[in-house]
PDB file of N, CA and C in Angstrom:
ATOM      1  N   UNK A   1      63.428 -78.183 -15.339  1.00  0.00           N
ATOM      2  CA  UNK A   1      63.047 -79.744 -15.890  1.00  0.00           C
ATOM      3  C   UNK A   1      62.653 -80.412 -15.743  1.00  0.00           C
ATOM      4  N   UNK A   2      62.450 -80.889 -14.163  1.00  0.00           N
ATOM      5  CA  UNK A   2      61.724 -82.004 -13.413  1.00  0.00           C
ATOM      6  C   UNK A   2      60.616 -82.087 -14.259  1.00  0.00           C
ATOM      7  N   UNK A   3      59.631 -81.294 -14.414  1.00  0.00           N
ATOM      8  CA  UNK A   3      58.494 -80.812 -14.703  1.00  0.00           C
ATOM      9  C   UNK A   3      58.491 -81.610 -16.233  1.00  0.00           C
ATOM     10  N   UNK A   4      59.876 -80.951 -17.110  1.00  0.00           N
ATOM     11  CA  UNK A   4      59.401 -81.880 -18.559  1.00  0.00           C
ATOM     12  C   UNK A   4      60.124 -83.059 -18.474  1.00  0.00           C
ATOM     13  N   UNK A   5      60.410 -83.110 -18.025  1.00  0.00           N
ATOM     14  CA  UNK A   5      61.230 -84.872 -17.751  1.00  0.00           C
ATOM     15  C   UNK A   5      60.737 -86.132 -17.444  1.00  0.00           C
ATOM     16  N   UNK A   6      59.677 -85.430 -16.303  1.00  0.00           N
ATOM     17  CA  UNK A   6      58.418 -86.273 -15.271  1.00  0.00           C
ATOM     18  C   UNK A   6      57.610 -86.180 -16.752  1.00  0.00           C
ATOM     19  N   UNK A   7      57.339 -85.725 -17.592  1.00  0.00           N
ATOM     20  CA  UNK A   7      56.180 -84.899 -18.664  1.00  0.00           C
ATOM     21  C   UNK A   7      54.996 -84.912 -17.531  1.00  0.00           C
ATOM     22  N   UNK A   8      55.422 -84.105 -16.764  1.00  0.00           N
ATOM     23  CA  UNK A   8      54.194 -83.281 -15.422  1.00  0.00           C
ATOM     24  C   UNK A   8      53.465 -83.714 -14.236  1.00  0.00           C
ATOM     25  N   UNK A   9      54.340 -84.841 -13.619  1.00  0.00           N
ATOM     26  CA  UNK A   9      54.150 -86.039 -12.512  1.00  0.00           C
ATOM     27  C   UNK A   9      54.646 -85.207 -11.163  1.00  0.00           C
ATOM     28  N   UNK A  10      55.843 -84.680 -11.760  1.00  0.00           N
ATOM     29  CA  UNK A  10      56.691 -83.569 -10.353  1.00  0.00           C
ATOM     30  C   UNK A  10      56.873 -81.945 -10.386  1.00  0.00           C
ATOM     31  N   UNK A  11      56.577 -81.433 -10.524  1.00  0.00           N
ATOM     32  CA  UNK A  11      56.564 -79.959  -9.990  1.00  0.00           C
ATOM     33  C   UNK A  11      57.875 -79.214  -9.662  1.00  0.00           C
ATOM     34  N   UNK A  12      58.547 -77.984  -9.369  1.00  0.00           N
ATOM     35  CA  UNK A  12      59.353 -77.191  -9.235  1.00  0.00           C
ATOM     36  C   UNK A  12      58.708 -77.299  -8.373  1.00  0.00           C
ATOM     37  N   UNK A  13      59.616 -76.869  -6.908  1.00  0.00           N
ATOM     38  CA  UNK A  13      59.232 -75.677  -5.995  1.00  0.00           C
ATOM     39  C   UNK A  13      58.619 -74.145  -6.310  1.00  0.00           C
ATOM     40  N   UNK A  14      57.967 -73.892  -5.383  1.00  0.00           N
ATOM     41  CA  UNK A  14      57.957 -72.216  -6.016  1.00  0.00           C
ATOM     42  C   UNK A  14      58.307 -71.651  -3.986  1.00  0.00           C
ATOM     43  N   UNK A  15      59.903 -70.995  -4.083  1.00  0.00           N
ATOM     44  CA  UNK A  15      60.702 -70.552  -3.316  1.00  0.00           C
ATOM     45  C   UNK A  15      59.819 -68.979  -3.095  1.00  0.00           C
ATOM     46  N   UNK A  16      59.103 -69.063  -1.816  1.00  0.00           N
ATOM     47  CA  UNK A  16      58.567 -67.449  -0.416  1.00  0.00           C
ATOM     48  C   UNK A  16      58.934 -67.836   0.672  1.00  0.00           C
ATOM     49  N   UNK A  17      59.634 -66.480   0.892  1.00  0.00           N
ATOM     50  CA  UNK A  17      60.186 -66.339   1.830  1.00  0.00           C
ATOM     51  C   UNK A  17      59.611 -65.435   2.847  1.00  0.00           C
ATOM     52  N   UNK A  18      59.619 -65.222   3.834  1.00  0.00           N
ATOM     53  CA  UNK A  18      57.939 -64.944   4.984  1.00  0.00           C
ATOM     54  C   UNK A  18      58.879 -64.119   5.880  1.00  0.00           C
ATOM     55  N   UNK A  19      59.254 -63.033   5.542  1.00  0.00           N
ATOM     56  CA  UNK A  19      59.823 -61.997   7.217  1.00  0.00           C
ATOM     57  C   UNK A  19      59.062 -62.741   8.239  1.00  0.00           C
ATOM     58  N   UNK A  20      59.470 -62.889   9.094  1.00  0.00           N
ATOM     59  CA  UNK A  20      58.207 -62.987  10.632  1.00  0.00           C
ATOM     60  C   UNK A  20      59.096 -61.394  11.985  1.00  0.00           C
ATOM     61  N   UNK A  21      60.317 -60.848  11.399  1.00  0.00           N
ATOM     62  CA  UNK A  21      60.575 -59.533  12.238  1.00  0.00           C
ATOM     63  C   UNK A  21      61.179 -58.817  11.524  1.00  0.00           C
ATOM     64  N   UNK A  22      61.292 -58.025  11.990  1.00  0.00           N
ATOM     65  CA  UNK A  22      62.514 -56.855  10.978  1.00  0.00           C
ATOM     66  C   UNK A  22      63.679 -57.103  11.486  1.00  0.00           C
ATOM     67  N   UNK A  23      64.535 -58.017  10.668  1.00  0.00           N
ATOM     68  CA  UNK A  23      65.798 -57.753  11.572  1.00  0.00           C
ATOM     69  C   UNK A  23      66.726 -58.259  10.003  1.00  0.00           C
ATOM     70  N   UNK A  24      67.980 -58.042   9.721  1.00  0.00           N
ATOM     71  CA  UNK A  24      68.723 -58.077   8.669  1.00  0.00           C
ATOM     72  C   UNK A  24      68.778 -59.214   7.988  1.00  0.00           C
ATOM     73  N   UNK A  25      68.647 -59.346   7.037  1.00  0.00           N
ATOM     74  CA  UNK A  25      68.222 -60.924   5.932  1.00  0.00           C
ATOM     75  C   UNK A  25      69.509 -61.245   4.836  1.00  0.00           C
ATOM     76  N   UNK A  26      70.128 -62.259   4.678  1.00  0.00           N
ATOM     77  CA  UNK A  26      71.722 -62.115   4.039  1.00  0.00           C
ATOM     78  C   UNK A  26      70.856 -63.448   2.305  1.00  0.00           C
ATOM     79  N   UNK A  27      70.779 -62.416   2.357  1.00  0.00           N
ATOM     80  CA  UNK A  27      69.990 -63.722   0.628  1.00  0.00           C
ATOM     81  C   UNK A  27      71.428 -64.063  -0.271  1.00  0.00           C
ATOM     82  N   UNK A  28      71.921 -65.377  -0.804  1.00  0.00           N
ATOM     83  CA  UNK A  28      72.837 -65.227  -1.776  1.00  0.00           C
ATOM     84  C   UNK A  28      72.287 -66.560  -2.908  1.00  0.00           C
ATOM     85  N   UNK A  29      72.501 -65.968  -4.423  1.00  0.00           N
ATOM     86  CA  UNK A  29      71.563 -66.028  -5.836  1.00  0.00           C
ATOM     87  C   UNK A  29      72.804 -67.225  -6.077  1.00  0.00           C
ATOM     88  N   UNK A  30      72.253 -68.280  -6.898  1.00  0.00           N
ATOM     89  CA  UNK A  30      73.128 -69.249  -7.507  1.00  0.00           C
ATOM     90  C   UNK A  30      72.255 -69.352  -8.159  1.00  0.00           C
ATOM     91  N   UNK A  31      72.680 -69.566  -9.370  1.00  0.00           N
ATOM     92  CA  UNK A  31      72.403 -70.126 -10.822  1.00  0.00           C
ATOM     93  C   UNK A  31      73.094 -70.491 -11.762  1.00  0.00           C
ATOM     94  N   UNK A  32      71.989 -72.119 -12.106  1.00  0.00           N
ATOM     95  CA  UNK A  32      72.933 -73.182 -12.512  1.00  0.00           C
ATOM     96  C   UNK A  32      72.155 -73.561 -14.090  1.00  0.00           C
ATOM     97  N   UNK A  33      73.121 -73.249 -15.223  1.00  0.00           N
ATOM     98  CA  UNK A  33      72.526 -73.634 -16.447  1.00  0.00           C
ATOM     99  C   UNK A  33      71.973 -75.152 -16.684  1.00  0.00           C
ATOM    100  N   UNK A  34      70.895 -75.213 -17.309  1.00  0.00           N
ATOM    101  CA  UNK A  34      70.966 -76.756 -17.789  1.00  0.00           C
ATOM    102  C   UNK A  34      71.443 -77.048 -18.594  1.00  0.00           C
ATOM    103  N   UNK A  35      71.510 -78.376 -19.132  1.00  0.00           N
ATOM    104  CA  UNK A  35      72.096 -78.604 -20.339  1.00  0.00           C
ATOM    105  C   UNK A  35      71.447 -78.122 -21.729  1.00  0.00           C
ATOM    106  N   UNK A  36      72.364 -78.166 -22.383  1.00  0.00           N
ATOM    107  CA  UNK A  36      72.342 -77.437 -24.142  1.00  0.00           C
ATOM    108  C   UNK A  36      71.612 -78.242 -24.295  1.00  0.00           C
ATOM    109  N   UNK A  37      71.354 -79.605 -24.692  1.00  0.00           N
ATOM    110  CA  UNK A  37      70.666 -79.658 -25.806  1.00  0.00           C
ATOM    111  C   UNK A  37      69.158 -79.445 -25.357  1.00  0.00           C
ATOM    112  N   UNK A  38      67.910 -80.481 -26.523  1.00  0.00           N
ATOM    113  CA  UNK A  38      66.079 -80.173 -25.764  1.00  0.00           C
ATOM    114  C   UNK A  38      66.395 -81.240 -24.348  1.00  0.00           C
ATOM    115  N   UNK A  39      65.184 -80.453 -23.992  1.00  0.00           N
ATOM    116  CA  UNK A  39      64.817 -81.682 -23.840  1.00  0.00           C
ATOM    117  C   UNK A  39      63.091 -81.608 -23.358  1.00  0.00           C
ATOM    118  N   UNK A  40      63.213 -83.535 -23.355  1.00  0.00           N
ATOM    119  CA  UNK A  40      61.835 -83.890 -23.112  1.00  0.00           C
ATOM    120  C   UNK A  40      61.335 -84.645 -22.439  1.00  0.00           C
ATOM    121  N   UNK A  41      60.236 -85.135 -22.298  1.00  0.00           N
ATOM    122  CA  UNK A  41      60.266 -86.920 -20.946  1.00  0.00           C
ATOM    123  C   UNK A  41      60.209 -87.768 -21.532  1.00  0.00           C
ATOM    124  N   UNK A  42      60.761 -88.226 -20.566  1.00  0.00           N
ATOM    125  CA  UNK A  42      62.115 -89.538 -20.532  1.00  0.00           C
ATOM    126  C   UNK A  42      60.828 -90.466 -21.296  1.00  0.00           C
ATOM    127  N   UNK A  43      61.280 -91.248 -22.312  1.00  0.00           N
ATOM    128  CA  UNK A  43      60.951 -92.786 -22.830  1.00  0.00           C
ATOM    129  C   UNK A  43      59.310 -93.329 -22.268  1.00  0.00           C
ATOM    130  N   UNK A  44      60.154 -93.500 -20.898  1.00  0.00           N
ATOM    131  CA  UNK A  44      59.558 -94.697 -19.921  1.00  0.00           C
ATOM    132  C   UNK A  44      58.446 -93.803 -18.973  1.00  0.00           C
ATOM    133  N   UNK A  45      57.890 -92.595 -19.175  1.00  0.00           N
ATOM    134  CA  UNK A  45      56.489 -92.342 -18.768  1.00  0.00           C
ATOM    135  C   UNK A  45      55.884 -91.358 -19.671  1.00  0.00           C
ATOM    136  N   UNK A  46      56.699 -92.333 -21.056  1.00  0.00           N
ATOM    137  CA  UNK A  46      55.558 -91.673 -22.197  1.00  0.00           C
ATOM    138  C   UNK A  46      54.277 -92.706 -22.132  1.00  0.00           C
ATOM    139  N   UNK A  47      53.330 -93.528 -22.776  1.00  0.00           N
ATOM    140  CA  UNK A  47      52.828 -94.298 -23.554  1.00  0.00           C
ATOM    141  C   UNK A  47      51.408 -94.169 -23.670  1.00  0.00           C
ATOM    142  N   UNK A  48      50.864 -94.908 -24.138  1.00  0.00           N
ATOM    143  CA  UNK A  48      49.187 -94.850 -24.898  1.00  0.00           C
ATOM    144  C   UNK A  48      48.529 -94.201 -23.753  1.00  0.00           C
ATOM    145  N   UNK A  49      48.905 -94.210 -22.528  1.00  0.00           N
ATOM    146  CA  UNK A  49      48.013 -93.606 -21.433  1.00  0.00           C
ATOM    147  C   UNK A  49      48.108 -93.073 -21.293  1.00  0.00           C
ATOM    148  N   UNK A  50      49.229 -92.539 -21.448  1.00  0.00           N
ATOM    149  CA  UNK A  50      50.477 -91.039 -20.663  1.00  0.00           C
ATOM    150  C   UNK A  50      50.776 -90.177 -22.145  1.00  0.00           C
ATOM    151  N   UNK A  51      50.462 -90.031 -22.291  1.00  0.00           N
ATOM    152  CA  UNK A  51      50.588 -88.907 -23.812  1.00  0.00           C
ATOM    153  C   UNK A  51      51.612 -88.116 -23.334  1.00  0.00           C
ATOM    154  N   UNK A  52      52.449 -87.520 -24.770  1.00  0.00           N
ATOM    155  CA  UNK A  52      53.379 -86.673 -23.476  1.00  0.00           C
ATOM    156  C   UNK A  52      53.072 -84.818 -23.960  1.00  0.00           C
ATOM    157  N   UNK A  53      53.158 -84.703 -23.201  1.00  0.00           N
ATOM    158  CA  UNK A  53      52.513 -82.653 -23.162  1.00  0.00           C
ATOM    159  C   UNK A  53      53.039 -81.585 -22.445  1.00  0.00           C
ATOM    160  N   UNK A  54      54.090 -82.867 -23.219  1.00  0.00           N
ATOM    161  CA  UNK A  54      55.371 -81.157 -23.677  1.00  0.00           C
ATOM    162  C   UNK A  54      56.228 -81.712 -25.054  1.00  0.00           C
ATOM    163  N   UNK A  55      56.456 -80.505 -25.506  1.00  0.00           N
ATOM    164  CA  UNK A  55      56.790 -80.336 -27.293  1.00  0.00           C
ATOM    165  C   UNK A  55      58.733 -80.527 -26.093  1.00  0.00           C
ATOM    166  N   UNK A  56      60.050 -80.919 -26.914  1.00  0.00           N
ATOM    167  CA  UNK A  56      61.399 -80.923 -26.701  1.00  0.00           C
ATOM    168  C   UNK A  56      60.989 -79.289 -26.957  1.00  0.00           C
ATOM    169  N   UNK A  57      62.416 -78.736 -25.588  1.00  0.00           N
ATOM    170  CA  UNK A  57      62.622 -77.691 -25.728  1.00  0.00           C
ATOM    171  C   UNK A  57      63.728 -77.195 -24.840  1.00  0.00           C
ATOM    172  N   UNK A  58      64.640 -76.671 -25.443  1.00  0.00           N
ATOM    173  CA  UNK A  58      66.308 -75.762 -24.544  1.00  0.00           C
ATOM    174  C   UNK A  58      66.336 -75.440 -23.211  1.00  0.00           C
ATOM    175  N   UNK A  59      66.803 -75.502 -21.889  1.00  0.00           N
ATOM    176  CA  UNK A  59      66.215 -75.500 -20.800  1.00  0.00           C
ATOM    177  C   UNK A  59      66.408 -73.989 -20.766  1.00  0.00           C
ATOM    178  N   UNK A  60      66.973 -72.421 -21.929  1.00  0.00           N
ATOM    179  CA  UNK A  60      66.865 -71.381 -21.724  1.00  0.00           C
ATOM    180  C   UNK A  60      65.561 -71.179 -22.049  1.00  0.00           C
ATOM    181  N   UNK A  61      64.839 -71.293 -23.649  1.00  0.00           N
ATOM    182  CA  UNK A  61      63.604 -71.520 -24.084  1.00  0.00           C
ATOM    183  C   UNK A  61      62.686 -71.532 -22.536  1.00  0.00           C
ATOM    184  N   UNK A  62      62.807 -73.250 -21.719  1.00  0.00           N
ATOM    185  CA  UNK A  62      61.578 -73.041 -20.094  1.00  0.00           C
ATOM    186  C   UNK A  62      62.395 -71.830 -19.419  1.00  0.00           C
ATOM    187  N   UNK A  63      62.889 -72.031 -19.040  1.00  0.00           N
ATOM    188  CA  UNK A  63      63.381 -70.770 -18.175  1.00  0.00           C
ATOM    189  C   UNK A  63      63.043 -69.442 -18.657  1.00  0.00           C
ATOM    190  N   UNK A  64      62.916 -68.613 -20.108  1.00  0.00           N
ATOM    191  CA  UNK A  64      62.653 -67.400 -20.396  1.00  0.00           C
ATOM    192  C   UNK A  64      61.465 -67.778 -21.496  1.00  0.00           C
ATOM    193  N   UNK A  65      60.656 -68.328 -21.468  1.00  0.00           N
ATOM    194  CA  UNK A  65      60.000 -68.869 -21.730  1.00  0.00           C
ATOM    195  C   UNK A  65      58.956 -68.741 -20.760  1.00  0.00           C
ATOM    196  N   UNK A  66      56.926 -67.672 -21.207  1.00  0.00           N
ATOM    197  CA  UNK A  66      56.006 -68.112 -20.242  1.00  0.00           C
ATOM    198  C   UNK A  66      55.090 -69.170 -20.777  1.00  0.00           C
ATOM    199  N   UNK A  67      54.527 -70.061 -20.347  1.00  0.00           N
ATOM    200  CA  UNK A  67      54.281 -71.258 -19.988  1.00  0.00           C
ATOM    201  C   UNK A  67      52.467 -71.090 -20.492  1.00  0.00           C
ATOM    202  N   UNK A  68      52.428 -71.044 -21.168  1.00  0.00           N
ATOM    203  CA  UNK A  68      51.138 -71.431 -21.495  1.00  0.00           C
ATOM    204  C   UNK A  68      50.145 -73.005 -20.993  1.00  0.00           C
ATOM    205  N   UNK A  69      49.880 -72.759 -19.984  1.00  0.00           N
ATOM    206  CA  UNK A  69      49.861 -74.164 -18.898  1.00  0.00           C
ATOM    207  C   UNK A  69      48.315 -74.484 -19.608  1.00  0.00           C
ATOM    208  N   UNK A  70      47.615 -74.490 -20.492  1.00  0.00           N
ATOM    209  CA  UNK A  70      46.236 -75.533 -21.567  1.00  0.00           C
ATOM    210  C   UNK A  70      46.761 -75.832 -22.791  1.00  0.00           C
ATOM    211  N   UNK A  71      48.020 -75.851 -22.958  1.00  0.00           N
ATOM    212  CA  UNK A  71      48.049 -75.538 -24.943  1.00  0.00           C
ATOM    213  C   UNK A  71      49.518 -76.728 -24.101  1.00  0.00           C
ATOM    214  N   UNK A  72      50.390 -76.399 -22.435  1.00  0.00           N
ATOM    215  CA  UNK A  72      52.060 -76.752 -23.439  1.00  0.00           C
ATOM    216  C   UNK A  72      51.988 -75.442 -24.159  1.00  0.00           C
ATOM    217  N   UNK A  73      52.826 -75.270 -24.412  1.00  0.00           N
ATOM    218  CA  UNK A  73      53.414 -73.600 -25.704  1.00  0.00           C
ATOM    219  C   UNK A  73      53.932 -72.650 -25.700  1.00  0.00           C
ATOM    220  N   UNK A  74      54.769 -72.271 -25.556  1.00  0.00           N
ATOM    221  CA  UNK A  74      55.729 -70.526 -25.249  1.00  0.00           C
ATOM    222  C   UNK A  74      55.000 -69.658 -25.343  1.00  0.00           C
ATOM    223  N   UNK A  75      54.513 -67.893 -25.552  1.00  0.00           N
ATOM    224  CA  UNK A  75      54.191 -67.439 -26.281  1.00  0.00           C
ATOM    225  C   UNK A  75      55.395 -66.607 -26.901  1.00  0.00           C
ATOM    226  N   UNK A  76      55.044 -65.256 -27.905  1.00  0.00           N
ATOM    227  CA  UNK A  76      55.862 -65.085 -28.621  1.00  0.00           C
ATOM    228  C   UNK A  76      56.190 -63.995 -27.297  1.00  0.00           C
ATOM    229  N   UNK A  77      55.646 -63.013 -26.469  1.00  0.00           N
ATOM    230  CA  UNK A  77      56.788 -62.759 -25.762  1.00  0.00           C
ATOM    231  C   UNK A  77      57.577 -63.245 -24.851  1.00  0.00           C
ATOM    232  N   UNK A  78      58.004 -64.795 -24.413  1.00  0.00           N
ATOM    233  CA  UNK A  78      58.993 -64.935 -24.186  1.00  0.00           C
ATOM    234  C   UNK A  78      60.230 -65.103 -25.198  1.00  0.00           C
ATOM    235  N   UNK A  79      59.563 -65.952 -26.383  1.00  0.00           N
ATOM    236  CA  UNK A  79      60.549 -65.649 -27.639  1.00  0.00           C
ATOM    237  C   UNK A  79      61.287 -64.482 -27.804  1.00  0.00           C
ATOM    238  N   UNK A  80      60.204 -63.898 -27.916  1.00  0.00           N
ATOM    239  CA  UNK A  80      61.669 -61.940 -28.055  1.00  0.00           C
ATOM    240  C   UNK A  80      62.521 -62.154 -27.193  1.00  0.00           C
ATOM    241  N   UNK A  81      61.991 -62.434 -26.036  1.00  0.00           N
ATOM    242  CA  UNK A  81      62.677 -63.003 -24.964  1.00  0.00           C
ATOM    243  C   UNK A  81      64.408 -62.780 -25.217  1.00  0.00           C
ATOM    244  N   UNK A  82      64.105 -64.242 -25.173  1.00  0.00           N
ATOM    245  CA  UNK A  82      64.594 -65.018 -25.562  1.00  0.00           C
ATOM    246  C   UNK A  82      66.404 -64.131 -27.402  1.00  0.00           C
ATOM    247  N   UNK A  83      65.715 -63.998 -27.958  1.00  0.00           N
ATOM    248  CA  UNK A  83      66.226 -63.449 -29.317  1.00  0.00           C
ATOM    249  C   UNK A  83      66.407 -62.176 -28.803  1.00  0.00           C
ATOM    250  N   UNK A  84      66.412 -61.578 -27.916  1.00  0.00           N
ATOM    251  CA  UNK A  84      66.988 -60.044 -26.796  1.00  0.00           C
ATOM    252  C   UNK A  84      68.187 -60.510 -25.804  1.00  0.00           C
ATOM    253  N   UNK A  85      68.827 -62.211 -25.612  1.00  0.00           N
ATOM    254  CA  UNK A  85      69.715 -62.484 -25.085  1.00  0.00           C
ATOM    255  C   UNK A  85      70.352 -62.763 -25.437  1.00  0.00           C
ATOM    256  N   UNK A  86      70.645 -63.507 -27.296  1.00  0.00           N
ATOM    257  CA  UNK A  86      70.960 -62.861 -28.368  1.00  0.00           C
ATOM    258  C   UNK A  86      71.971 -62.095 -29.002  1.00  0.00           C
ATOM    259  N   UNK A  87      71.244 -61.372 -28.178  1.00  0.00           N
ATOM    260  CA  UNK A  87      72.517 -59.512 -29.490  1.00  0.00           C
ATOM    261  C   UNK A  87      73.222 -59.335 -28.382  1.00  0.00           C
TER     262      UNK A  87
END
């Protein structure tokens, strides 16, 4: 969400665990859902010099969709996954 809100100025951190030794490791996953309404770049970050590079989108669409980095749009495969979630 930070990437969309900031119009690409901030990127989400990719998390990667590296095990340095063979020991027992415990992981606890937690998930928080974003807002139900569409998110889009903040108006303060869009102007004549910085056009919006993201279309308004819902959090679920962003989470499941596959981002096409060149066009800042989502693939049919990602849309199909969303449709399957609603079944």
